[in-house]
Amino acid sequence: MSLERSLLRAAERRSPQVLDALIAPDFREVGASGRRWTRAEIVAAMLAEDGPLGPDVADHDMVGTELADGLVLLEFVTDAQGRWARRTSLWRRVAPGAWQTFLHQGTLAPDLGP
């Protein structure tokens, strides 16, 4: 869970070193907009965020489920300045103590907001 939260913190999601360590080479995403993203596209988008480092994305109700040895499904809700989404990420262990996400999906959920 702490690694997923790293990707929600503005300073870390704009660090090439952090992204390289945490996002698998075969990563893919279906974003909250419905757009499909490759690793190269999502990394480029994260590194190109405009302006000063934006606020961190708030997460709520994060729960991890071990699907198999070295494979964890995270489910959580995010609030990015009032843009609420339900999210899932799959993480796999790539070496002892090293994990990478290889699949992420977000679904807008405006009903969750205040």
N, C-alpha and C. Protein backbone atom coordinates (compact mmCIF):
# COMPACT_ATOMS: atom_id res chain seq x y z
N MET A 1 0.82 -1.19 0.00
CA MET A 1 0.00 0.00 0.00
C MET A 1 0.86 1.25 0.00
N SER A 2 1.98 1.18 0.69
CA SER A 2 2.84 2.37 0.75
C SER A 2 3.41 2.70 -0.63
N LEU A 3 3.68 1.69 -1.45
CA LEU A 3 4.21 1.97 -2.79
C LEU A 3 3.16 2.64 -3.67
N GLU A 4 1.92 2.18 -3.58
CA GLU A 4 0.84 2.83 -4.34
C GLU A 4 0.71 4.28 -3.90
N ARG A 5 0.79 4.50 -2.60
CA ARG A 5 0.69 5.87 -2.08
C ARG A 5 1.85 6.74 -2.57
N SER A 6 3.00 6.13 -2.82
CA SER A 6 4.11 6.89 -3.39
C SER A 6 3.71 7.50 -4.73
N LEU A 7 2.95 6.74 -5.52
CA LEU A 7 2.53 7.23 -6.83
C LEU A 7 1.43 8.29 -6.73
N LEU A 8 0.86 8.46 -5.56
CA LEU A 8 -0.17 9.48 -5.35
C LEU A 8 0.42 10.78 -4.83
N ARG A 9 1.68 10.76 -4.42
CA ARG A 9 2.33 11.97 -3.92
C ARG A 9 3.00 12.70 -5.09
N ALA A 10 2.70 13.97 -5.22
CA ALA A 10 3.15 14.76 -6.37
C ALA A 10 4.65 14.69 -6.60
N ALA A 11 5.44 14.85 -5.57
CA ALA A 11 6.90 14.86 -5.74
C ALA A 11 7.41 13.53 -6.27
N GLU A 12 6.82 12.45 -5.81
CA GLU A 12 7.31 11.13 -6.23
C GLU A 12 6.82 10.75 -7.61
N ARG A 13 5.60 11.14 -7.96
CA ARG A 13 5.12 10.76 -9.29
C ARG A 13 5.75 11.62 -10.39
N ARG A 14 6.55 12.60 -9.99
CA ARG A 14 7.30 13.38 -10.97
C ARG A 14 8.79 13.06 -10.92
N SER A 15 9.13 11.94 -10.30
CA SER A 15 10.52 11.51 -10.21
C SER A 15 10.75 10.34 -11.16
N PRO A 16 11.60 10.52 -12.18
CA PRO A 16 11.88 9.40 -13.10
C PRO A 16 12.41 8.15 -12.37
N GLN A 17 13.19 8.34 -11.32
CA GLN A 17 13.74 7.21 -10.59
C GLN A 17 12.64 6.43 -9.87
N VAL A 18 11.71 7.14 -9.25
CA VAL A 18 10.60 6.47 -8.57
C VAL A 18 9.73 5.73 -9.58
N LEU A 19 9.38 6.40 -10.67
CA LEU A 19 8.53 5.77 -11.68
C LEU A 19 9.20 4.55 -12.29
N ASP A 20 10.49 4.64 -12.54
CA ASP A 20 11.21 3.51 -13.10
C ASP A 20 11.21 2.32 -12.15
N ALA A 21 11.33 2.59 -10.87
CA ALA A 21 11.36 1.51 -9.89
C ALA A 21 9.99 0.88 -9.66
N LEU A 22 8.92 1.68 -9.74
CA LEU A 22 7.60 1.20 -9.34
C LEU A 22 6.68 0.79 -10.47
N ILE A 23 6.95 1.23 -11.69
CA ILE A 23 6.05 0.92 -12.81
C ILE A 23 6.73 -0.09 -13.73
N ALA A 24 6.12 -1.25 -13.86
CA ALA A 24 6.70 -2.36 -14.62
C ALA A 24 6.82 -2.03 -16.11
N PRO A 25 7.78 -2.63 -16.79
CA PRO A 25 7.94 -2.40 -18.23
C PRO A 25 6.69 -2.75 -19.04
N ASP A 26 5.91 -3.73 -18.58
CA ASP A 26 4.71 -4.13 -19.31
C ASP A 26 3.43 -3.48 -18.75
N PHE A 27 3.57 -2.41 -17.98
CA PHE A 27 2.45 -1.71 -17.38
C PHE A 27 1.44 -1.25 -18.42
N ARG A 28 0.17 -1.30 -18.03
CA ARG A 28 -0.90 -0.72 -18.82
C ARG A 28 -1.97 -0.21 -17.87
N GLU A 29 -2.74 0.74 -18.37
CA GLU A 29 -3.77 1.37 -17.53
C GLU A 29 -5.00 1.68 -18.37
N VAL A 30 -6.14 1.55 -17.73
CA VAL A 30 -7.39 2.11 -18.25
C VAL A 30 -7.74 3.20 -17.26
N GLY A 31 -7.59 4.44 -17.71
CA GLY A 31 -7.79 5.57 -16.82
C GLY A 31 -9.25 5.85 -16.52
N ALA A 32 -9.48 6.74 -15.58
CA ALA A 32 -10.84 7.11 -15.18
C ALA A 32 -11.62 7.69 -16.35
N SER A 33 -10.92 8.25 -17.33
CA SER A 33 -11.58 8.80 -18.52
C SER A 33 -11.97 7.71 -19.51
N GLY A 34 -11.46 6.49 -19.30
CA GLY A 34 -11.69 5.40 -20.23
C GLY A 34 -10.54 5.22 -21.22
N ARG A 35 -9.60 6.13 -21.19
CA ARG A 35 -8.45 6.06 -22.10
C ARG A 35 -7.52 4.93 -21.68
N ARG A 36 -6.98 4.23 -22.68
CA ARG A 36 -5.94 3.23 -22.42
C ARG A 36 -4.58 3.90 -22.48
N TRP A 37 -3.72 3.55 -21.54
CA TRP A 37 -2.39 4.14 -21.44
C TRP A 37 -1.35 3.02 -21.46
N THR A 38 -0.25 3.28 -22.14
CA THR A 38 0.92 2.40 -22.05
C THR A 38 1.83 2.94 -20.95
N ARG A 39 2.84 2.19 -20.62
CA ARG A 39 3.80 2.66 -19.63
C ARG A 39 4.44 3.96 -20.09
N ALA A 40 4.89 3.99 -21.34
CA ALA A 40 5.55 5.19 -21.85
C ALA A 40 4.63 6.40 -21.78
N GLU A 41 3.37 6.22 -22.11
CA GLU A 41 2.43 7.35 -22.10
C GLU A 41 2.16 7.83 -20.68
N ILE A 42 1.96 6.91 -19.75
CA ILE A 42 1.62 7.33 -18.39
C ILE A 42 2.83 7.97 -17.71
N VAL A 43 4.02 7.42 -17.94
CA VAL A 43 5.22 8.01 -17.36
C VAL A 43 5.43 9.42 -17.92
N ALA A 44 5.29 9.59 -19.23
CA ALA A 44 5.44 10.91 -19.84
C ALA A 44 4.43 11.90 -19.27
N ALA A 45 3.19 11.46 -19.10
CA ALA A 45 2.15 12.34 -18.55
C ALA A 45 2.46 12.73 -17.11
N MET A 46 2.93 11.79 -16.32
CA MET A 46 3.24 12.08 -14.92
C MET A 46 4.42 13.05 -14.82
N LEU A 47 5.42 12.85 -15.65
CA LEU A 47 6.60 13.72 -15.61
C LEU A 47 6.31 15.12 -16.14
N ALA A 48 5.29 15.26 -16.98
CA ALA A 48 4.99 16.55 -17.61
C ALA A 48 3.91 17.34 -16.91
N GLU A 49 3.51 16.94 -15.71
CA GLU A 49 2.49 17.71 -15.00
C GLU A 49 2.92 19.17 -14.94
N ASP A 50 2.02 20.06 -15.31
CA ASP A 50 2.35 21.48 -15.41
C ASP A 50 2.38 22.15 -14.04
N GLY A 51 3.06 23.28 -14.00
CA GLY A 51 3.08 24.12 -12.82
C GLY A 51 3.92 23.55 -11.69
N PRO A 52 3.88 24.22 -10.55
CA PRO A 52 4.61 23.70 -9.40
C PRO A 52 4.01 22.36 -8.99
N LEU A 53 4.75 21.63 -8.20
CA LEU A 53 4.23 20.33 -7.78
C LEU A 53 2.84 20.52 -7.19
N GLY A 54 1.90 19.82 -7.79
CA GLY A 54 0.52 19.92 -7.35
C GLY A 54 0.31 19.20 -6.03
N PRO A 55 -0.90 19.29 -5.54
CA PRO A 55 -1.18 18.61 -4.28
C PRO A 55 -1.18 17.10 -4.47
N ASP A 56 -0.94 16.45 -3.37
CA ASP A 56 -1.01 15.00 -3.39
C ASP A 56 -2.45 14.57 -3.64
N VAL A 57 -2.63 13.38 -4.17
CA VAL A 57 -3.95 12.81 -4.37
C VAL A 57 -4.32 12.08 -3.10
N ALA A 58 -5.49 12.38 -2.56
CA ALA A 58 -5.94 11.73 -1.32
C ALA A 58 -6.50 10.35 -1.65
N ASP A 59 -6.15 9.38 -0.82
CA ASP A 59 -6.73 8.04 -1.01
C ASP A 59 -7.56 7.68 0.21
N HIS A 60 -8.55 6.84 -0.02
CA HIS A 60 -9.46 6.40 1.04
C HIS A 60 -9.73 4.91 0.88
N ASP A 61 -9.93 4.26 2.00
CA ASP A 61 -10.40 2.87 2.02
C ASP A 61 -9.51 1.92 1.23
N MET A 62 -8.19 2.10 1.27
CA MET A 62 -7.30 1.22 0.52
C MET A 62 -7.23 -0.15 1.20
N VAL A 63 -7.49 -1.18 0.40
CA VAL A 63 -7.48 -2.55 0.88
C VAL A 63 -6.64 -3.39 -0.08
N GLY A 64 -5.78 -4.21 0.46
CA GLY A 64 -4.97 -5.11 -0.35
C GLY A 64 -5.42 -6.55 -0.17
N THR A 65 -5.44 -7.29 -1.26
CA THR A 65 -5.78 -8.70 -1.24
C THR A 65 -4.67 -9.47 -1.94
N GLU A 66 -4.07 -10.43 -1.23
CA GLU A 66 -3.05 -11.26 -1.85
C GLU A 66 -3.75 -12.31 -2.70
N LEU A 67 -3.54 -12.23 -4.01
CA LEU A 67 -4.17 -13.17 -4.94
C LEU A 67 -3.35 -14.45 -5.08
N ALA A 68 -2.05 -14.34 -4.96
CA ALA A 68 -1.12 -15.46 -5.03
C ALA A 68 0.19 -14.97 -4.43
N ASP A 69 1.12 -15.87 -4.22
CA ASP A 69 2.41 -15.46 -3.70
C ASP A 69 3.04 -14.45 -4.66
N GLY A 70 3.31 -13.25 -4.16
CA GLY A 70 3.94 -12.22 -4.98
C GLY A 70 2.99 -11.47 -5.90
N LEU A 71 1.68 -11.56 -5.65
CA LEU A 71 0.68 -10.85 -6.48
C LEU A 71 -0.39 -10.27 -5.57
N VAL A 72 -0.52 -8.93 -5.58
CA VAL A 72 -1.45 -8.24 -4.70
C VAL A 72 -2.35 -7.32 -5.51
N LEU A 73 -3.65 -7.38 -5.20
CA LEU A 73 -4.65 -6.48 -5.77
C LEU A 73 -4.95 -5.40 -4.74
N LEU A 74 -4.81 -4.13 -5.14
CA LEU A 74 -5.21 -3.02 -4.28
C LEU A 74 -6.49 -2.41 -4.82
N GLU A 75 -7.41 -2.12 -3.91
CA GLU A 75 -8.64 -1.42 -4.26
C GLU A 75 -8.74 -0.20 -3.35
N PHE A 76 -9.09 0.94 -3.94
CA PHE A 76 -9.15 2.17 -3.16
C PHE A 76 -9.93 3.24 -3.90
N VAL A 77 -10.17 4.33 -3.22
CA VAL A 77 -10.86 5.49 -3.77
C VAL A 77 -9.90 6.66 -3.72
N THR A 78 -9.90 7.50 -4.76
CA THR A 78 -9.07 8.71 -4.73
C THR A 78 -9.94 9.95 -4.87
N ASP A 79 -9.42 11.02 -4.31
CA ASP A 79 -10.00 12.35 -4.47
C ASP A 79 -8.87 13.26 -4.94
N ALA A 80 -8.92 13.62 -6.22
CA ALA A 80 -7.93 14.52 -6.80
C ALA A 80 -8.60 15.86 -7.00
N GLN A 81 -8.58 16.68 -5.98
CA GLN A 81 -9.19 18.01 -6.01
C GLN A 81 -10.66 17.95 -6.44
N GLY A 82 -11.40 17.03 -5.83
CA GLY A 82 -12.83 16.91 -6.11
C GLY A 82 -13.18 15.95 -7.24
N ARG A 83 -12.18 15.36 -7.87
CA ARG A 83 -12.43 14.35 -8.92
C ARG A 83 -12.28 12.97 -8.27
N TRP A 84 -13.39 12.38 -7.91
CA TRP A 84 -13.42 11.12 -7.19
C TRP A 84 -13.39 9.95 -8.15
N ALA A 85 -12.65 8.91 -7.79
CA ALA A 85 -12.58 7.70 -8.63
C ALA A 85 -12.37 6.47 -7.76
N ARG A 86 -12.94 5.38 -8.21
CA ARG A 86 -12.64 4.06 -7.64
C ARG A 86 -11.47 3.52 -8.45
N ARG A 87 -10.50 2.90 -7.78
CA ARG A 87 -9.29 2.45 -8.47
C ARG A 87 -8.89 1.05 -8.01
N THR A 88 -8.24 0.35 -8.93
CA THR A 88 -7.62 -0.93 -8.62
C THR A 88 -6.24 -0.95 -9.26
N SER A 89 -5.30 -1.58 -8.58
CA SER A 89 -3.95 -1.77 -9.10
C SER A 89 -3.51 -3.19 -8.79
N LEU A 90 -2.79 -3.78 -9.73
CA LEU A 90 -2.16 -5.08 -9.49
C LEU A 90 -0.66 -4.86 -9.35
N TRP A 91 -0.11 -5.41 -8.28
CA TRP A 91 1.32 -5.31 -7.97
C TRP A 91 1.91 -6.71 -7.91
N ARG A 92 3.12 -6.85 -8.44
CA ARG A 92 3.81 -8.14 -8.34
C ARG A 92 5.22 -7.93 -7.80
N ARG A 93 5.65 -8.93 -7.05
CA ARG A 93 7.01 -8.90 -6.52
C ARG A 93 7.95 -9.27 -7.66
N VAL A 94 8.96 -8.43 -7.89
CA VAL A 94 9.91 -8.67 -8.98
C VAL A 94 11.27 -9.12 -8.46
N ALA A 95 11.48 -8.98 -7.17
CA ALA A 95 12.69 -9.43 -6.49
C ALA A 95 12.38 -9.37 -4.99
N PRO A 96 13.16 -10.02 -4.17
CA PRO A 96 12.89 -9.92 -2.73
C PRO A 96 12.81 -8.45 -2.28
N GLY A 97 11.67 -8.07 -1.73
CA GLY A 97 11.48 -6.71 -1.25
C GLY A 97 11.21 -5.67 -2.32
N ALA A 98 11.11 -6.07 -3.58
CA ALA A 98 10.87 -5.11 -4.69
C ALA A 98 9.57 -5.46 -5.40
N TRP A 99 8.70 -4.47 -5.53
CA TRP A 99 7.39 -4.64 -6.15
C TRP A 99 7.21 -3.63 -7.26
N GLN A 100 6.43 -4.00 -8.26
CA GLN A 100 6.06 -3.07 -9.34
C GLN A 100 4.59 -3.27 -9.67
N THR A 101 3.95 -2.17 -10.05
CA THR A 101 2.58 -2.25 -10.54
C THR A 101 2.63 -2.51 -12.04
N PHE A 102 1.71 -3.37 -12.50
CA PHE A 102 1.69 -3.67 -13.93
C PHE A 102 0.31 -3.47 -14.54
N LEU A 103 -0.69 -3.17 -13.72
CA LEU A 103 -2.04 -2.91 -14.23
C LEU A 103 -2.75 -1.97 -13.29
N HIS A 104 -3.41 -0.97 -13.85
CA HIS A 104 -4.18 -0.01 -13.04
C HIS A 104 -5.45 0.33 -13.80
N GLN A 105 -6.54 0.49 -13.05
CA GLN A 105 -7.78 0.95 -13.65
C GLN A 105 -8.45 1.92 -12.71
N GLY A 106 -9.00 2.99 -13.30
CA GLY A 106 -9.77 3.96 -12.54
C GLY A 106 -11.15 4.14 -13.16
N THR A 107 -12.14 4.36 -12.31
CA THR A 107 -13.50 4.60 -12.77
C THR A 107 -14.02 5.82 -12.02
N LEU A 108 -14.42 6.85 -12.76
CA LEU A 108 -14.96 8.04 -12.10
C LEU A 108 -16.15 7.67 -11.23
N ALA A 109 -16.23 8.31 -10.08
CA ALA A 109 -17.29 8.04 -9.11
C ALA A 109 -17.72 9.34 -8.44
N PRO A 110 -18.35 10.24 -9.20
CA PRO A 110 -18.73 11.54 -8.63
C PRO A 110 -19.68 11.43 -7.45
N ASP A 111 -20.38 10.33 -7.33
CA ASP A 111 -21.30 10.13 -6.22
C ASP A 111 -20.60 10.00 -4.87
N LEU A 112 -19.27 9.79 -4.90
CA LEU A 112 -18.52 9.63 -3.66
C LEU A 112 -18.15 10.95 -3.02
N GLY A 113 -18.16 12.03 -3.79
CA GLY A 113 -17.73 13.32 -3.28
C GLY A 113 -18.72 13.93 -2.31
N PRO A 114 -18.28 15.01 -1.69
CA PRO A 114 -19.15 15.69 -0.70
C PRO A 114 -20.39 16.28 -1.31
